[in-house]
């Protein structure tokens, strides 16, 4: 019997890559405002995960 693999990860990553500036503008307004969008960028999800963790930690420390 063969197992089926359902890829739930790729579709949302493709959408974020396609609309990366809009994604940041909506979810991370301050970060979006500080980015020089005239320079080329590469959307790597390892960097995004690190940025998200830092954002969450910063949010938690400023709310206490």
N, C-alpha and C. Protein backbone atom coordinates (compact mmCIF):
# COMPACT_ATOMS: atom_id res chain seq x y z
N UNK A 1 0.85 -1.18 0.00
CA UNK A 1 0.00 0.00 0.00
C UNK A 1 0.89 1.25 0.00
N UNK A 2 0.60 2.19 -0.84
CA UNK A 2 1.39 3.42 -0.91
C UNK A 2 0.73 4.50 -0.06
N UNK A 3 1.58 5.28 0.57
CA UNK A 3 1.08 6.39 1.38
C UNK A 3 0.96 7.63 0.51
N UNK A 4 -0.08 8.40 0.75
CA UNK A 4 -0.23 9.66 0.05
C UNK A 4 0.38 10.77 0.88
N UNK A 5 1.00 11.68 0.20
CA UNK A 5 1.61 12.83 0.85
C UNK A 5 0.82 14.07 0.46
N UNK A 6 0.28 14.75 1.43
CA UNK A 6 -0.44 15.99 1.17
C UNK A 6 0.46 17.15 1.55
N UNK A 7 0.73 18.00 0.59
CA UNK A 7 1.62 19.14 0.79
C UNK A 7 0.80 20.36 1.19
N UNK A 8 0.73 20.62 2.48
CA UNK A 8 0.01 21.79 2.98
C UNK A 8 0.91 23.02 3.07
N UNK A 9 2.19 22.81 3.01
CA UNK A 9 3.17 23.88 3.22
C UNK A 9 3.38 24.75 1.98
N UNK A 10 3.53 24.14 0.84
CA UNK A 10 3.89 24.88 -0.37
C UNK A 10 2.87 25.93 -0.81
N UNK A 11 1.57 25.66 -0.80
CA UNK A 11 0.64 26.69 -1.30
C UNK A 11 0.72 28.02 -0.56
N UNK A 12 0.77 28.00 0.76
CA UNK A 12 0.82 29.28 1.47
C UNK A 12 2.18 29.96 1.29
N UNK A 13 3.25 29.16 1.16
CA UNK A 13 4.57 29.76 0.90
C UNK A 13 4.61 30.42 -0.47
N UNK A 14 3.99 29.80 -1.46
CA UNK A 14 3.94 30.38 -2.80
C UNK A 14 3.17 31.71 -2.79
N UNK A 15 2.08 31.75 -2.05
CA UNK A 15 1.29 32.98 -1.95
C UNK A 15 2.10 34.08 -1.27
N UNK A 16 2.78 33.75 -0.19
CA UNK A 16 3.59 34.76 0.51
C UNK A 16 4.71 35.25 -0.40
N UNK A 17 5.36 34.35 -1.12
CA UNK A 17 6.42 34.78 -2.04
C UNK A 17 5.88 35.72 -3.11
N UNK A 18 4.71 35.39 -3.63
CA UNK A 18 4.11 36.19 -4.69
C UNK A 18 3.72 37.57 -4.20
N UNK A 19 3.20 37.63 -2.98
CA UNK A 19 2.70 38.90 -2.43
C UNK A 19 3.50 39.34 -1.21
N UNK A 20 4.80 39.06 -1.20
CA UNK A 20 5.62 39.31 -0.02
C UNK A 20 5.54 40.75 0.50
N UNK A 21 5.71 41.78 -0.35
CA UNK A 21 5.60 43.14 0.19
C UNK A 21 4.23 43.43 0.82
N UNK A 22 3.17 42.98 0.17
CA UNK A 22 1.82 43.19 0.72
C UNK A 22 1.62 42.42 2.02
N UNK A 23 2.17 41.22 2.08
CA UNK A 23 2.10 40.40 3.29
C UNK A 23 2.75 41.14 4.46
N UNK A 24 3.96 41.64 4.23
CA UNK A 24 4.65 42.38 5.30
C UNK A 24 3.91 43.66 5.67
N UNK A 25 3.40 44.35 4.66
CA UNK A 25 2.68 45.59 4.92
C UNK A 25 1.47 45.33 5.81
N UNK A 26 0.78 44.24 5.60
CA UNK A 26 -0.43 43.93 6.37
C UNK A 26 -0.10 43.41 7.77
N UNK A 27 0.82 42.44 7.87
CA UNK A 27 1.08 41.79 9.16
C UNK A 27 2.20 42.44 9.98
N UNK A 28 3.15 43.08 9.31
CA UNK A 28 4.30 43.67 10.00
C UNK A 28 4.52 45.09 9.49
N UNK A 29 3.59 45.97 9.80
CA UNK A 29 3.57 47.33 9.28
C UNK A 29 4.86 48.08 9.54
N UNK A 30 5.36 48.00 10.75
CA UNK A 30 6.59 48.73 11.09
C UNK A 30 7.78 48.20 10.30
N UNK A 31 7.90 46.89 10.21
CA UNK A 31 9.01 46.30 9.44
C UNK A 31 8.90 46.71 7.97
N UNK A 32 7.70 46.68 7.42
CA UNK A 32 7.49 47.07 6.03
C UNK A 32 7.97 48.50 5.79
N UNK A 33 7.66 49.39 6.72
CA UNK A 33 8.02 50.80 6.57
C UNK A 33 9.53 51.02 6.62
N UNK A 34 10.26 50.13 7.26
CA UNK A 34 11.71 50.28 7.41
C UNK A 34 12.52 49.61 6.29
N UNK A 35 11.86 48.91 5.39
CA UNK A 35 12.56 48.19 4.32
C UNK A 35 12.71 49.09 3.10
N UNK A 36 13.88 49.05 2.51
CA UNK A 36 14.13 49.78 1.26
C UNK A 36 13.68 48.87 0.11
N UNK A 37 12.48 49.09 -0.38
CA UNK A 37 11.89 48.23 -1.40
C UNK A 37 12.46 48.47 -2.79
N UNK A 38 13.35 49.46 -2.93
CA UNK A 38 14.00 49.67 -4.22
C UNK A 38 15.13 48.66 -4.44
N UNK A 39 15.56 48.01 -3.36
CA UNK A 39 16.61 47.00 -3.45
C UNK A 39 15.98 45.63 -3.68
N UNK A 40 16.66 44.76 -4.42
CA UNK A 40 16.13 43.41 -4.62
C UNK A 40 16.12 42.62 -3.31
N UNK A 41 15.22 41.69 -3.21
CA UNK A 41 15.13 40.87 -2.00
C UNK A 41 14.88 39.42 -2.39
N UNK A 42 15.17 38.54 -1.45
CA UNK A 42 14.94 37.11 -1.63
C UNK A 42 14.12 36.64 -0.45
N UNK A 43 13.03 36.02 -0.73
CA UNK A 43 12.13 35.56 0.32
C UNK A 43 12.55 34.16 0.77
N UNK A 44 13.26 34.08 1.88
CA UNK A 44 13.65 32.78 2.43
C UNK A 44 12.89 32.56 3.73
N UNK A 45 12.30 31.41 3.86
CA UNK A 45 11.43 31.17 5.00
C UNK A 45 12.20 30.92 6.29
N UNK A 46 13.45 30.53 6.22
CA UNK A 46 14.26 30.42 7.43
C UNK A 46 14.43 31.80 8.05
N UNK A 47 14.69 32.79 7.21
CA UNK A 47 14.80 34.17 7.71
C UNK A 47 13.47 34.66 8.25
N UNK A 48 12.40 34.32 7.59
CA UNK A 48 11.08 34.73 8.03
C UNK A 48 10.76 34.13 9.40
N UNK A 49 11.06 32.85 9.59
CA UNK A 49 10.80 32.22 10.89
C UNK A 49 11.58 32.90 12.00
N UNK A 50 12.84 33.25 11.74
CA UNK A 50 13.65 33.95 12.73
C UNK A 50 13.06 35.33 13.03
N UNK A 51 12.67 36.06 12.00
CA UNK A 51 12.07 37.38 12.19
C UNK A 51 10.77 37.29 12.98
N UNK A 52 9.96 36.27 12.69
CA UNK A 52 8.70 36.09 13.40
C UNK A 52 8.95 35.80 14.88
N UNK A 53 9.91 34.93 15.16
CA UNK A 53 10.23 34.63 16.57
C UNK A 53 10.71 35.88 17.29
N UNK A 54 11.58 36.65 16.65
CA UNK A 54 12.07 37.89 17.28
C UNK A 54 10.93 38.87 17.53
N UNK A 55 10.01 38.98 16.57
CA UNK A 55 8.86 39.87 16.70
C UNK A 55 7.98 39.45 17.88
N UNK A 56 7.73 38.15 18.00
CA UNK A 56 6.90 37.64 19.08
C UNK A 56 7.58 37.89 20.42
N UNK A 57 8.87 37.62 20.51
CA UNK A 57 9.60 37.86 21.75
C UNK A 57 9.59 39.34 22.13
N UNK A 58 9.77 40.21 21.13
CA UNK A 58 9.74 41.64 21.39
C UNK A 58 8.35 42.08 21.87
N UNK A 59 7.31 41.55 21.24
CA UNK A 59 5.94 41.88 21.61
C UNK A 59 5.64 41.43 23.04
N UNK A 60 6.10 40.24 23.38
CA UNK A 60 5.86 39.72 24.73
C UNK A 60 6.59 40.54 25.79
N UNK A 61 7.82 40.95 25.49
CA UNK A 61 8.59 41.71 26.48
C UNK A 61 8.05 43.12 26.65
N UNK A 62 7.48 43.70 25.60
CA UNK A 62 6.97 45.08 25.73
C UNK A 62 5.55 45.11 26.32
N UNK A 63 4.86 43.95 26.35
CA UNK A 63 3.51 43.92 26.90
C UNK A 63 3.51 43.67 28.41
N UNK A 64 4.67 43.31 28.97
CA UNK A 64 4.70 43.02 30.41
C UNK A 64 5.15 44.21 31.23
